[in-house]
């Protein structure tokens, strides 16, 4: 299995503070999507990263290959809705 860092990039630096109702609904769908991946053991960890310049989302995932990682990303409800963009980076992870 391979590990990847998924970075969810918001549409603006103030997104976490000023999202509208439509965006909030998409974020609820996003959270539910990643929670089920966590429960299945595909996502090892996920959540927001708080930086002074603005927060963004991340997940560490364990999958067969980069194509599988990208498939998970493009099926994120916020990506499908063109609200967020993403980056996917391979990594060497040491997991319990």
Protein backbone atom coordinates (compact mmCIF):
# COMPACT_ATOMS: atom_id res chain seq x y z
CA UNK A 1 0.00 0.00 0.00
CA UNK A 2 1.06 3.58 -0.66
CA UNK A 3 0.46 6.74 1.33
CA UNK A 4 -0.53 10.16 0.05
CA UNK A 5 -1.09 13.60 1.51
CA UNK A 6 -4.32 15.09 0.18
CA UNK A 7 -4.46 18.88 0.50
CA UNK A 8 -7.86 20.53 0.09
CA UNK A 9 -7.42 24.12 -1.06
CA UNK A 10 -10.30 26.51 -0.27
CA UNK A 11 -11.52 29.14 -2.73
CA UNK A 12 -10.35 32.02 -0.51
CA UNK A 13 -8.27 32.46 2.64
CA UNK A 14 -11.30 33.58 4.67
CA UNK A 15 -13.41 30.58 3.63
CA UNK A 16 -13.67 29.02 7.11
CA UNK A 17 -15.00 32.30 8.54
CA UNK A 18 -17.34 33.47 5.79
CA UNK A 19 -18.72 30.45 3.91
CA UNK A 20 -22.31 30.80 2.77
CA UNK A 21 -25.10 28.27 3.32
CA UNK A 22 -24.43 26.41 0.06
CA UNK A 23 -20.74 26.14 0.89
CA UNK A 24 -21.53 25.04 4.45
CA UNK A 25 -23.78 22.27 3.10
CA UNK A 26 -21.01 21.09 0.78
CA UNK A 27 -18.57 21.10 3.69
CA UNK A 28 -20.96 18.91 5.70
CA UNK A 29 -21.03 16.47 2.76
CA UNK A 30 -17.23 16.69 2.56
CA UNK A 31 -16.90 15.82 6.27
CA UNK A 32 -19.26 12.87 5.93
CA UNK A 33 -17.34 11.61 2.88
CA UNK A 34 -13.99 11.68 4.66
CA UNK A 35 -15.45 10.26 7.88
CA UNK A 36 -16.59 7.14 6.04
CA UNK A 37 -13.11 6.81 4.48
CA UNK A 38 -11.64 7.10 7.98
CA UNK A 39 -14.00 4.41 9.27
CA UNK A 40 -12.95 2.11 6.40
CA UNK A 41 -9.27 2.64 7.23
CA UNK A 42 -8.52 4.34 3.90
CA UNK A 43 -8.04 7.76 5.45
CA UNK A 44 -5.67 7.46 8.39
CA UNK A 45 -6.32 11.02 9.56
CA UNK A 46 -8.16 14.03 8.17
CA UNK A 47 -9.11 17.52 9.26
CA UNK A 48 -8.43 21.22 8.92
CA UNK A 49 -4.99 22.77 9.24
CA UNK A 50 -5.04 26.22 10.83
CA UNK A 51 -2.44 28.60 9.42
CA UNK A 52 -2.29 32.34 10.07
CA UNK A 53 -2.82 32.96 6.34
CA UNK A 54 -5.94 30.77 6.19
CA UNK A 55 -6.98 27.22 6.92
CA UNK A 56 -7.00 24.31 4.50
CA UNK A 57 -7.92 20.65 4.72
CA UNK A 58 -5.72 17.58 4.71
CA UNK A 59 -5.92 13.83 4.82
CA UNK A 60 -3.35 11.09 4.91
CA UNK A 61 -4.65 8.19 2.88
CA UNK A 62 -3.49 4.63 2.31
CA UNK A 63 -4.35 3.20 -1.11
CA UNK A 64 -2.97 0.93 -3.83
CA UNK A 65 -1.62 3.68 -6.09
CA UNK A 66 -1.81 7.32 -7.12
CA UNK A 67 -4.78 6.68 -9.41
CA UNK A 68 -6.78 5.40 -6.43
CA UNK A 69 -5.74 8.44 -4.39
CA UNK A 70 -6.81 10.80 -7.16
CA UNK A 71 -10.13 8.98 -7.52
CA UNK A 72 -10.85 9.60 -3.83
CA UNK A 73 -10.03 13.28 -4.26
CA UNK A 74 -12.17 13.88 -7.33
CA UNK A 75 -15.12 12.21 -5.60
CA UNK A 76 -14.97 14.65 -2.68
CA UNK A 77 -18.25 16.60 -2.82
CA UNK A 78 -16.46 19.96 -2.67
CA UNK A 79 -14.19 19.00 -5.57
CA UNK A 80 -17.11 17.68 -7.62
CA UNK A 81 -18.92 20.99 -7.04
CA UNK A 82 -15.82 22.98 -8.08
CA UNK A 83 -15.73 24.70 -4.70
CA UNK A 84 -12.22 23.56 -3.76
CA UNK A 85 -9.14 22.43 -5.60
CA UNK A 86 -6.65 19.90 -4.34
CA UNK A 87 -3.09 18.70 -4.39
CA UNK A 88 -2.03 15.08 -3.95
CA UNK A 89 1.50 14.25 -2.80
CA UNK A 90 3.07 10.80 -2.33
CA UNK A 91 4.75 10.29 1.00
CA UNK A 92 6.59 7.78 3.12
CA UNK A 93 4.42 7.17 6.15
CA UNK A 94 5.27 5.17 9.24
CA UNK A 95 2.01 3.77 10.57
CA UNK A 96 1.31 1.73 13.68
